[in-house]
Amino acid sequence: MPRPLSPQEIQELIAGYVLGDLSSAEAEEFRSLLLQLPELQAEVTSLQEVLAMMPYGLDEAEQIGRAHV
């Protein structure tokens, strides 16, 4: 039986899942965790919404920063 994940480990898995940065084994582990703890879906959705609001490229972010100087 695998050891329980700490809250920090769960947050790291959520972030990695949303960013698409998990290995296939980690993604499978997280999907299993979502089945066990469906309340995590709200956190996933929230992070996906925040990510969708971020600029896609550094150039765009740099231009915004220069406009405020």
Protein backbone atom coordinates (compact mmCIF):
# COMPACT_ATOMS: atom_id res chain seq x y z
CA MET A 1 0.00 0.00 0.00
CA PRO A 2 1.53 3.36 -1.01
CA ARG A 3 2.13 5.96 1.67
CA PRO A 4 -0.34 8.86 1.85
CA LEU A 5 0.70 12.01 0.01
CA SER A 6 1.41 15.17 1.97
CA PRO A 7 -0.61 18.32 1.17
CA GLN A 8 2.50 19.77 -0.51
CA GLU A 9 2.90 16.69 -2.70
CA ILE A 10 -0.77 16.92 -3.70
CA GLN A 11 -0.34 20.61 -4.60
CA GLU A 12 2.73 19.77 -6.68
CA LEU A 13 0.79 17.06 -8.51
CA ILE A 14 -2.10 19.48 -9.17
CA ALA A 15 0.29 22.11 -10.56
CA GLY A 16 2.14 19.57 -12.68
CA TYR A 17 -1.13 18.17 -14.00
CA VAL A 18 -2.45 21.59 -14.97
CA LEU A 19 0.85 22.53 -16.62
CA GLY A 20 1.09 19.16 -18.42
CA ASP A 21 4.41 18.56 -16.72
CA LEU A 22 3.78 15.13 -15.18
CA SER A 23 5.23 11.87 -16.38
CA SER A 24 2.67 9.34 -17.54
CA ALA A 25 3.00 7.49 -14.20
CA GLU A 26 2.50 10.71 -12.22
CA ALA A 27 -0.49 11.70 -14.36
CA GLU A 28 -2.04 8.27 -13.77
CA GLU A 29 -1.39 8.62 -10.03
CA PHE A 30 -3.07 12.02 -10.05
CA ARG A 31 -6.11 10.81 -12.02
CA SER A 32 -6.48 8.02 -9.44
CA LEU A 33 -6.22 10.60 -6.67
CA LEU A 34 -8.96 12.67 -8.35
CA LEU A 35 -11.25 9.63 -8.23
CA GLN A 36 -10.53 9.22 -4.52
CA LEU A 37 -10.76 12.94 -3.71
CA PRO A 38 -13.13 14.56 -6.22
CA GLU A 39 -12.93 17.87 -4.31
CA LEU A 40 -9.47 18.33 -5.86
CA GLN A 41 -11.19 18.98 -9.20
CA ALA A 42 -12.14 22.47 -7.98
CA GLU A 43 -8.45 23.26 -7.41
CA VAL A 44 -7.56 21.90 -10.85
CA THR A 45 -10.27 24.03 -12.47
CA SER A 46 -9.17 27.13 -10.57
CA LEU A 47 -5.54 26.73 -11.65
CA GLN A 48 -6.60 26.06 -15.24
CA GLU A 49 -8.55 29.34 -15.23
CA VAL A 50 -5.55 31.26 -13.85
CA LEU A 51 -3.26 29.67 -16.43
CA ALA A 52 -5.66 30.62 -19.22
CA MET A 53 -5.37 34.29 -18.19
CA MET A 54 -1.57 34.33 -18.35
CA PRO A 55 0.22 35.62 -21.45
CA TYR A 56 1.46 32.90 -23.74
CA GLY A 57 4.88 34.36 -24.41
CA LEU A 58 7.57 36.26 -22.62
CA ASP A 59 7.70 38.85 -25.41
CA GLU A 60 4.12 39.87 -24.71
CA ALA A 61 4.80 40.08 -20.97
CA GLU A 62 7.92 42.18 -21.60
CA GLN A 63 5.97 44.58 -23.81
CA ILE A 64 3.35 45.03 -21.11
CA GLY A 65 6.09 45.70 -18.54
CA ARG A 66 7.75 48.32 -20.77
CA ALA A 67 4.45 50.10 -21.34
CA HIS A 68 4.19 50.74 -17.61
CA VAL A 69 7.70 52.22 -17.27
